[in-house]
N, C-alpha and C. Protein backbone atom coordinates (compact mmCIF):
# COMPACT_ATOMS: atom_id res chain seq x y z
N UNK A 1 2.76 340.73 -2.69
CA UNK A 1 3.87 340.44 -3.59
C UNK A 1 3.67 341.28 -4.85
N UNK A 2 4.72 341.99 -5.26
CA UNK A 2 4.61 342.88 -6.41
C UNK A 2 4.60 342.09 -7.73
N UNK A 3 4.26 342.79 -8.80
CA UNK A 3 4.25 342.19 -10.13
C UNK A 3 5.65 341.74 -10.51
N UNK A 4 6.65 342.56 -10.19
CA UNK A 4 8.03 342.21 -10.52
C UNK A 4 8.47 340.92 -9.82
N UNK A 5 8.04 340.74 -8.58
CA UNK A 5 8.39 339.51 -7.86
C UNK A 5 7.71 338.30 -8.48
N UNK A 6 6.43 338.44 -8.81
CA UNK A 6 5.72 337.31 -9.43
C UNK A 6 6.27 337.01 -10.81
N UNK A 7 6.69 338.03 -11.54
CA UNK A 7 7.31 337.82 -12.85
C UNK A 7 8.65 337.09 -12.68
N UNK A 8 9.43 337.48 -11.67
CA UNK A 8 10.71 336.81 -11.41
C UNK A 8 10.51 335.35 -11.03
N UNK A 9 9.48 335.07 -10.24
CA UNK A 9 9.19 333.68 -9.87
C UNK A 9 8.81 332.87 -11.10
N UNK A 10 7.98 333.43 -11.96
CA UNK A 10 7.58 332.70 -13.17
C UNK A 10 8.77 332.48 -14.09
N UNK A 11 9.66 333.48 -14.18
CA UNK A 11 10.85 333.31 -15.02
C UNK A 11 11.80 332.28 -14.42
N UNK A 12 11.88 332.20 -13.10
CA UNK A 12 12.68 331.13 -12.49
C UNK A 12 12.18 329.76 -12.94
N UNK A 13 10.87 329.60 -12.95
CA UNK A 13 10.30 328.34 -13.40
C UNK A 13 10.59 328.07 -14.87
N UNK A 14 10.44 329.09 -15.70
CA UNK A 14 10.68 328.92 -17.14
C UNK A 14 12.12 328.53 -17.40
N UNK A 15 13.07 329.29 -16.83
CA UNK A 15 14.48 329.01 -17.09
C UNK A 15 14.92 327.71 -16.43
N UNK A 16 14.32 327.35 -15.29
CA UNK A 16 14.63 326.06 -14.67
C UNK A 16 14.19 324.89 -15.54
N UNK A 17 13.00 324.99 -16.09
CA UNK A 17 12.51 323.93 -16.99
C UNK A 17 13.37 323.87 -18.25
N UNK A 18 13.74 325.02 -18.79
CA UNK A 18 14.59 325.05 -19.98
C UNK A 18 15.94 324.40 -19.71
N UNK A 19 16.54 324.69 -18.55
CA UNK A 19 17.82 324.08 -18.19
C UNK A 19 17.67 322.57 -18.03
N UNK A 20 16.62 322.14 -17.37
CA UNK A 20 16.36 320.71 -17.20
C UNK A 20 16.21 320.03 -18.57
N UNK A 21 15.47 320.66 -19.48
CA UNK A 21 15.26 320.11 -20.82
C UNK A 21 16.58 319.95 -21.57
N UNK A 22 17.42 320.98 -21.53
CA UNK A 22 18.71 320.92 -22.24
C UNK A 22 19.57 319.79 -21.68
N UNK A 23 19.63 319.67 -20.35
CA UNK A 23 20.44 318.61 -19.75
C UNK A 23 19.87 317.23 -20.04
N UNK A 24 18.54 317.12 -20.12
CA UNK A 24 17.93 315.82 -20.44
C UNK A 24 18.25 315.41 -21.88
N UNK A 25 18.33 316.37 -22.77
CA UNK A 25 18.56 316.07 -24.18
C UNK A 25 20.02 315.82 -24.51
N UNK A 26 20.95 316.44 -23.80
CA UNK A 26 22.35 316.39 -24.20
C UNK A 26 23.25 315.58 -23.29
N UNK A 27 22.71 315.03 -22.21
CA UNK A 27 23.53 314.20 -21.32
C UNK A 27 22.88 312.83 -21.13
N UNK A 28 23.64 311.95 -20.48
CA UNK A 28 23.15 310.60 -20.21
C UNK A 28 23.37 310.30 -18.74
N UNK A 29 22.53 309.47 -18.17
CA UNK A 29 22.70 309.14 -16.76
C UNK A 29 21.45 308.47 -16.23
N UNK A 30 20.93 308.95 -15.14
CA UNK A 30 19.74 308.38 -14.52
C UNK A 30 18.54 308.57 -15.41
N UNK A 31 17.75 307.53 -15.53
CA UNK A 31 16.58 307.59 -16.39
C UNK A 31 15.38 308.14 -15.61
N UNK A 32 14.78 309.19 -16.15
CA UNK A 32 13.61 309.81 -15.54
C UNK A 32 12.59 310.03 -16.66
N UNK A 33 11.45 309.37 -16.55
CA UNK A 33 10.38 309.52 -17.54
C UNK A 33 10.85 309.30 -18.97
N UNK A 34 11.67 308.29 -19.16
CA UNK A 34 12.12 307.96 -20.50
C UNK A 34 13.28 308.81 -20.99
N UNK A 35 13.66 309.82 -20.24
CA UNK A 35 14.81 310.65 -20.59
C UNK A 35 15.91 310.37 -19.57
N UNK A 36 17.11 310.87 -19.85
CA UNK A 36 18.21 310.63 -18.94
C UNK A 36 18.80 311.95 -18.46
N UNK A 37 19.34 311.92 -17.27
CA UNK A 37 20.00 313.08 -16.69
C UNK A 37 21.27 312.60 -16.01
N UNK A 38 22.38 313.12 -16.41
CA UNK A 38 23.62 312.67 -15.80
C UNK A 38 24.74 313.63 -16.09
N UNK A 39 25.94 313.17 -15.89
CA UNK A 39 27.10 314.02 -16.08
C UNK A 39 27.98 313.59 -17.23
N UNK A 40 27.45 312.78 -18.13
CA UNK A 40 28.19 312.37 -19.31
C UNK A 40 27.53 312.97 -20.52
N UNK A 41 28.27 313.77 -21.27
CA UNK A 41 27.73 314.37 -22.48
C UNK A 41 27.63 313.29 -23.54
N UNK A 42 26.45 313.16 -24.12
CA UNK A 42 26.24 312.20 -25.19
C UNK A 42 26.35 312.96 -26.51
N UNK A 43 27.33 312.58 -27.30
CA UNK A 43 27.55 313.28 -28.56
C UNK A 43 26.32 313.15 -29.45
N UNK A 44 25.85 314.28 -29.94
CA UNK A 44 24.65 314.33 -30.76
C UNK A 44 25.01 314.81 -32.16
N UNK A 45 24.14 314.50 -33.09
CA UNK A 45 24.33 315.05 -34.43
C UNK A 45 24.03 316.55 -34.38
N UNK A 46 24.62 317.31 -35.27
CA UNK A 46 24.33 318.75 -35.28
C UNK A 46 22.84 319.05 -35.43
N UNK A 47 22.14 318.23 -36.18
CA UNK A 47 20.70 318.43 -36.35
C UNK A 47 19.94 318.29 -35.04
N UNK A 48 20.31 317.29 -34.25
CA UNK A 48 19.62 317.09 -32.97
C UNK A 48 19.94 318.23 -31.99
N UNK A 49 21.17 318.72 -32.01
CA UNK A 49 21.53 319.83 -31.13
C UNK A 49 20.75 321.08 -31.55
N UNK A 50 20.66 321.33 -32.84
CA UNK A 50 19.88 322.47 -33.33
C UNK A 50 18.41 322.30 -32.97
N UNK A 51 17.89 321.09 -33.10
CA UNK A 51 16.50 320.82 -32.70
C UNK A 51 16.29 321.14 -31.22
N UNK A 52 17.25 320.78 -30.40
CA UNK A 52 17.17 321.07 -28.96
C UNK A 52 17.16 322.58 -28.72
N UNK A 53 18.05 323.29 -29.42
CA UNK A 53 18.10 324.75 -29.28
C UNK A 53 16.78 325.39 -29.71
N UNK A 54 16.26 324.94 -30.83
CA UNK A 54 15.00 325.51 -31.34
C UNK A 54 13.85 325.20 -30.38
N UNK A 55 13.77 323.96 -29.92
CA UNK A 55 12.69 323.58 -29.00
C UNK A 55 12.77 324.38 -27.71
N UNK A 56 13.98 324.56 -27.17
CA UNK A 56 14.14 325.34 -25.95
C UNK A 56 13.77 326.79 -26.20
N UNK A 57 14.19 327.34 -27.31
CA UNK A 57 13.86 328.73 -27.64
C UNK A 57 12.38 328.96 -27.82
N UNK A 58 11.72 328.04 -28.50
CA UNK A 58 10.27 328.17 -28.70
C UNK A 58 9.54 328.05 -27.36
N UNK A 59 9.95 327.08 -26.55
CA UNK A 59 9.33 326.94 -25.22
C UNK A 59 9.48 328.22 -24.41
N UNK A 60 10.72 328.74 -24.34
CA UNK A 60 10.98 329.93 -23.52
C UNK A 60 10.20 331.13 -24.04
N UNK A 61 10.16 331.32 -25.36
CA UNK A 61 9.43 332.45 -25.93
C UNK A 61 7.94 332.35 -25.65
N UNK A 62 7.37 331.16 -25.87
CA UNK A 62 5.93 330.99 -25.63
C UNK A 62 5.60 331.13 -24.14
N UNK A 63 6.45 330.60 -23.30
CA UNK A 63 6.20 330.70 -21.85
C UNK A 63 6.29 332.16 -21.39
N UNK A 64 7.28 332.89 -21.88
CA UNK A 64 7.39 334.31 -21.52
C UNK A 64 6.18 335.10 -22.02
N UNK A 65 5.75 334.81 -23.26
CA UNK A 65 4.56 335.49 -23.79
C UNK A 65 3.31 335.14 -22.98
N UNK A 66 3.21 333.89 -22.56
CA UNK A 66 2.05 333.48 -21.76
C UNK A 66 2.05 334.20 -20.41
N UNK A 67 3.21 334.34 -19.80
CA UNK A 67 3.30 335.05 -18.52
C UNK A 67 2.90 336.52 -18.70
N UNK A 68 3.45 337.16 -19.74
CA UNK A 68 3.09 338.56 -19.99
C UNK A 68 1.60 338.70 -20.31
N UNK A 69 1.07 337.77 -21.09
CA UNK A 69 -0.36 337.79 -21.39
C UNK A 69 -1.21 337.63 -20.15
N UNK A 70 -0.77 336.77 -19.24
CA UNK A 70 -1.50 336.57 -17.99
C UNK A 70 -1.53 337.86 -17.17
N UNK A 71 -0.38 338.52 -17.06
CA UNK A 71 -0.34 339.78 -16.31
C UNK A 71 -1.20 340.85 -16.99
N UNK A 72 -1.14 340.92 -18.31
CA UNK A 72 -1.93 341.92 -19.02
C UNK A 72 -3.42 341.63 -18.92
N UNK A 73 -3.79 340.35 -18.94
CA UNK A 73 -5.21 339.99 -18.80
C UNK A 73 -5.74 340.39 -17.43
N UNK A 74 -4.89 340.39 -16.44
CA UNK A 74 -5.29 340.81 -15.09
C UNK A 74 -5.09 342.31 -14.90
N UNK A 75 -4.71 343.00 -15.98
CA UNK A 75 -4.50 344.45 -15.98
C UNK A 75 -3.46 344.89 -14.94
N UNK A 76 -2.40 344.12 -14.87
CA UNK A 76 -1.31 344.46 -13.96
C UNK A 76 -0.18 345.08 -14.78
N UNK A 77 0.38 346.16 -14.30
CA UNK A 77 1.40 346.91 -15.03
C UNK A 77 2.76 346.23 -14.92
N UNK A 78 3.07 345.44 -15.94
CA UNK A 78 4.36 344.75 -15.95
C UNK A 78 5.48 345.73 -16.29
N UNK A 79 5.18 346.73 -17.09
CA UNK A 79 6.20 347.65 -17.56
C UNK A 79 6.50 348.78 -16.58
N UNK A 80 5.63 349.00 -15.61
CA UNK A 80 5.86 350.09 -14.66
C UNK A 80 6.99 349.74 -13.71
N UNK A 81 7.99 350.65 -13.64
CA UNK A 81 9.10 350.45 -12.72
C UNK A 81 9.48 351.81 -12.14
N UNK A 82 9.51 351.88 -10.84
CA UNK A 82 9.97 353.12 -10.20
C UNK A 82 11.48 353.00 -9.95
N UNK A 83 12.02 353.97 -9.20
CA UNK A 83 13.46 353.99 -8.96
C UNK A 83 13.93 352.75 -8.21
N UNK A 84 13.13 352.32 -7.26
CA UNK A 84 13.49 351.12 -6.48
C UNK A 84 13.56 349.90 -7.39
N UNK A 85 12.56 349.75 -8.26
CA UNK A 85 12.55 348.61 -9.18
C UNK A 85 13.76 348.64 -10.11
N UNK A 86 14.10 349.82 -10.61
CA UNK A 86 15.25 349.93 -11.51
C UNK A 86 16.55 349.60 -10.79
N UNK A 87 16.67 350.04 -9.54
CA UNK A 87 17.87 349.73 -8.76
C UNK A 87 17.98 348.23 -8.51
N UNK A 88 16.86 347.60 -8.19
CA UNK A 88 16.86 346.15 -7.98
C UNK A 88 17.22 345.42 -9.27
N UNK A 89 16.67 345.86 -10.40
CA UNK A 89 17.01 345.25 -11.69
C UNK A 89 18.50 345.39 -11.99
N UNK A 90 19.05 346.57 -11.70
CA UNK A 90 20.47 346.81 -11.95
C UNK A 90 21.34 345.90 -11.09
N UNK A 91 21.02 345.79 -9.81
CA UNK A 91 21.80 344.92 -8.92
C UNK A 91 21.66 343.45 -9.34
N UNK A 92 20.47 343.06 -9.72
CA UNK A 92 20.25 341.67 -10.15
C UNK A 92 21.01 341.38 -11.45
N UNK A 93 21.05 342.36 -12.35
CA UNK A 93 21.82 342.19 -13.59
C UNK A 93 23.31 342.04 -13.29
N UNK A 94 23.79 342.78 -12.29
CA UNK A 94 25.20 342.64 -11.89
C UNK A 94 25.47 341.26 -11.33
N UNK A 95 24.55 340.73 -10.55
CA UNK A 95 24.71 339.37 -10.03
C UNK A 95 24.76 338.38 -11.19
N UNK A 96 23.85 338.53 -12.14
CA UNK A 96 23.86 337.65 -13.31
C UNK A 96 25.16 337.74 -14.08
N UNK A 97 25.68 338.96 -14.23
CA UNK A 97 26.95 339.16 -14.93
C UNK A 97 28.07 338.42 -14.23
N UNK A 98 28.18 338.59 -12.90
CA UNK A 98 29.28 337.96 -12.18
C UNK A 98 29.13 336.45 -12.10
N UNK A 99 27.92 335.96 -12.08
CA UNK A 99 27.72 334.50 -12.17
C UNK A 99 28.21 334.01 -13.53
N UNK A 100 27.95 334.79 -14.57
CA UNK A 100 28.45 334.43 -15.90
C UNK A 100 29.96 334.43 -15.98
N UNK A 101 30.59 335.42 -15.37
CA UNK A 101 32.06 335.49 -15.35
C UNK A 101 32.62 334.28 -14.60
N UNK A 102 32.04 333.99 -13.44
CA UNK A 102 32.51 332.83 -12.65
C UNK A 102 32.27 331.53 -13.41
N UNK A 103 31.11 331.42 -14.04
CA UNK A 103 30.81 330.20 -14.81
C UNK A 103 31.75 330.02 -16.00
N UNK A 104 32.03 331.11 -16.71
CA UNK A 104 32.97 331.02 -17.83
C UNK A 104 34.36 330.62 -17.35
N UNK A 105 34.76 331.15 -16.20
CA UNK A 105 36.06 330.78 -15.63
C UNK A 105 36.08 329.30 -15.25
N UNK A 106 34.98 328.80 -14.68
CA UNK A 106 34.91 327.37 -14.34
C UNK A 106 34.97 326.50 -15.59
N UNK A 107 34.28 326.91 -16.63
CA UNK A 107 34.30 326.13 -17.88
C UNK A 107 35.72 326.09 -18.45
N UNK A 108 36.37 327.24 -18.49
CA UNK A 108 37.75 327.30 -19.00
C UNK A 108 38.66 326.42 -18.14
N UNK A 109 38.54 326.54 -16.82
CA UNK A 109 39.35 325.72 -15.92
C UNK A 109 39.08 324.24 -16.10
N UNK A 110 37.82 323.87 -16.28
CA UNK A 110 37.45 322.47 -16.48
C UNK A 110 38.09 321.92 -17.74
N UNK A 111 37.97 322.65 -18.83
CA UNK A 111 38.52 322.18 -20.11
C UNK A 111 40.04 322.06 -20.03
N UNK A 112 40.70 323.06 -19.44
CA UNK A 112 42.16 323.01 -19.34
C UNK A 112 42.63 321.91 -18.40
N UNK A 113 41.90 321.68 -17.32
CA UNK A 113 42.28 320.61 -16.38
C UNK A 113 42.18 319.25 -17.04
N UNK A 114 41.07 318.99 -17.77
CA UNK A 114 40.94 317.69 -18.43
C UNK A 114 41.94 317.53 -19.56
N UNK A 115 42.36 318.63 -20.18
CA UNK A 115 43.39 318.53 -21.22
C UNK A 115 44.75 318.26 -20.60
N UNK A 116 45.04 318.87 -19.45
CA UNK A 116 46.34 318.69 -18.80
C UNK A 116 46.46 317.34 -18.10
N UNK A 117 45.36 316.84 -17.58
CA UNK A 117 45.38 315.57 -16.84
C UNK A 117 44.35 314.60 -17.42
N UNK A 118 44.66 314.03 -18.57
CA UNK A 118 43.68 313.13 -19.22
C UNK A 118 43.50 311.84 -18.42
N UNK A 119 42.31 311.25 -18.59
CA UNK A 119 42.02 309.97 -17.94
C UNK A 119 42.72 308.85 -18.69
N UNK A 120 42.92 307.71 -18.03
CA UNK A 120 43.50 306.56 -18.73
C UNK A 120 42.61 306.14 -19.90
N UNK A 121 43.21 305.49 -20.87
CA UNK A 121 42.48 305.04 -22.05
C UNK A 121 41.31 304.15 -21.66
N UNK A 122 40.20 304.33 -22.32
CA UNK A 122 39.02 303.52 -22.06
C UNK A 122 38.04 304.13 -21.08
N UNK A 123 38.44 305.15 -20.37
CA UNK A 123 37.53 305.80 -19.42
C UNK A 123 37.04 307.12 -20.01
N UNK A 124 35.77 307.31 -19.94
CA UNK A 124 35.19 308.55 -20.47
C UNK A 124 35.23 309.63 -19.40
N UNK A 125 35.55 310.82 -19.83
CA UNK A 125 35.59 311.95 -18.90
C UNK A 125 34.17 312.44 -18.63
N UNK A 126 33.84 312.68 -17.37
CA UNK A 126 32.53 313.27 -17.11
C UNK A 126 32.50 314.70 -17.63
N UNK A 127 31.38 315.09 -18.16
CA UNK A 127 31.21 316.43 -18.72
C UNK A 127 32.33 316.79 -19.69
N UNK A 128 32.43 316.02 -20.73
CA UNK A 128 33.39 316.29 -21.79
C UNK A 128 32.94 317.53 -22.56
N UNK A 129 33.57 318.66 -22.28
CA UNK A 129 33.12 319.93 -22.84
C UNK A 129 33.91 320.35 -24.07
N UNK A 130 34.74 319.48 -24.61
CA UNK A 130 35.51 319.86 -25.79
C UNK A 130 34.86 319.40 -27.08
N UNK A 131 33.83 318.59 -27.00
CA UNK A 131 33.10 318.17 -28.19
C UNK A 131 32.09 319.26 -28.56
N UNK A 132 31.60 319.27 -29.79
CA UNK A 132 30.59 320.28 -30.16
C UNK A 132 29.36 320.25 -29.25
N UNK A 133 28.88 319.07 -28.91
CA UNK A 133 27.72 318.97 -28.01
C UNK A 133 28.07 319.48 -26.62
N UNK A 134 29.26 319.15 -26.14
CA UNK A 134 29.69 319.62 -24.83
C UNK A 134 29.84 321.13 -24.78
N UNK A 135 30.33 321.72 -25.85
CA UNK A 135 30.47 323.18 -25.91
C UNK A 135 29.09 323.83 -25.86
N UNK A 136 28.16 323.31 -26.65
CA UNK A 136 26.79 323.86 -26.65
C UNK A 136 26.17 323.69 -25.27
N UNK A 137 26.34 322.53 -24.66
CA UNK A 137 25.80 322.29 -23.32
C UNK A 137 26.37 323.28 -22.31
N UNK A 138 27.68 323.48 -22.34
CA UNK A 138 28.31 324.40 -21.39
C UNK A 138 27.82 325.83 -21.58
N UNK A 139 27.76 326.28 -22.81
CA UNK A 139 27.33 327.66 -23.06
C UNK A 139 25.86 327.87 -22.74
N UNK A 140 25.01 326.93 -23.12
CA UNK A 140 23.59 327.05 -22.79
C UNK A 140 23.37 327.01 -21.29
N UNK A 141 24.07 326.12 -20.62
CA UNK A 141 23.95 326.04 -19.17
C UNK A 141 24.38 327.36 -18.54
N UNK A 142 25.47 327.93 -19.03
CA UNK A 142 25.94 329.20 -18.51
C UNK A 142 24.89 330.30 -18.71
N UNK A 143 24.32 330.39 -19.90
CA UNK A 143 23.31 331.42 -20.16
C UNK A 143 22.07 331.23 -19.28
N UNK A 144 21.62 330.00 -19.14
CA UNK A 144 20.42 329.75 -18.35
C UNK A 144 20.68 329.95 -16.85
N UNK A 145 21.85 329.57 -16.38
CA UNK A 145 22.18 329.79 -14.97
C UNK A 145 22.29 331.28 -14.67
N UNK A 146 22.78 332.06 -15.63
CA UNK A 146 22.82 333.51 -15.44
C UNK A 146 21.41 334.06 -15.24
N UNK A 147 20.46 333.59 -16.04
CA UNK A 147 19.07 334.06 -15.90
C UNK A 147 18.48 333.61 -14.56
N UNK A 148 18.78 332.38 -14.16
CA UNK A 148 18.31 331.91 -12.87
C UNK A 148 18.90 332.75 -11.73
N UNK A 149 20.18 333.07 -11.83
CA UNK A 149 20.82 333.89 -10.79
C UNK A 149 20.23 335.30 -10.77
N UNK A 150 19.98 335.86 -11.94
CA UNK A 150 19.41 337.21 -12.01
C UNK A 150 18.02 337.25 -11.37
N UNK A 151 17.20 336.28 -11.68
CA UNK A 151 15.85 336.25 -11.11
C UNK A 151 15.87 335.95 -9.61
N UNK A 152 16.78 335.09 -9.19
CA UNK A 152 16.92 334.81 -7.75
C UNK A 152 17.36 336.06 -7.02
N UNK A 153 18.33 336.77 -7.59
CA UNK A 153 18.79 338.02 -6.98
C UNK A 153 17.66 339.06 -6.92
N UNK A 154 16.83 339.08 -7.95
CA UNK A 154 15.68 340.01 -7.95
C UNK A 154 14.78 339.70 -6.78
N UNK A 155 14.44 338.43 -6.60
CA UNK A 155 13.57 338.04 -5.48
C UNK A 155 14.19 338.38 -4.14
N UNK A 156 15.47 338.09 -3.99
CA UNK A 156 16.14 338.37 -2.72
C UNK A 156 16.15 339.87 -2.45
N UNK A 157 16.41 340.67 -3.48
CA UNK A 157 16.44 342.13 -3.30
C UNK A 157 15.09 342.66 -2.85
N UNK A 158 13.99 342.13 -3.44
CA UNK A 158 12.67 342.60 -3.03
C UNK A 158 12.37 342.21 -1.58
N UNK A 159 12.85 341.06 -1.16
CA UNK A 159 12.61 340.62 0.21
C UNK A 159 13.45 341.40 1.21
N UNK A 160 14.64 341.81 0.80
CA UNK A 160 15.52 342.54 1.71
C UNK A 160 15.18 344.02 1.78
N UNK A 161 14.68 344.55 0.66
CA UNK A 161 14.41 346.01 0.61
C UNK A 161 13.11 346.39 1.28
């Protein structure tokens, strides 16, 4: 397994944990280890949302640095890329781009659908994406899913090539 494949696997783990963390902090539902995961956005104060963003950013940065440090400690060339590696990166970036386009289209469709067909009074809409917390959740989810798709496409390309 090449360095690029192992790096993609480690990044899948990092971005998966980051996505799980964001959903645990900004939604409500099933209780897991004292946190909740569900499809109802729990409105948060701006300070708590910013704290979530900062915590996720610090985690991702430290985890990426730890992965790079691990590869460098083993004297493995993380930066070396030949033509094949560059082509795989380009194709994977295109997959990430199109996942982002599809995700943005789904978010827009979701918001417009719930605005056009509101629920009866007293019922909360699942994944209310029009609140500030819902907007942050949707955008962060979209960014993290793009990274997951890019890394998955990288792994698939290495296995197919």
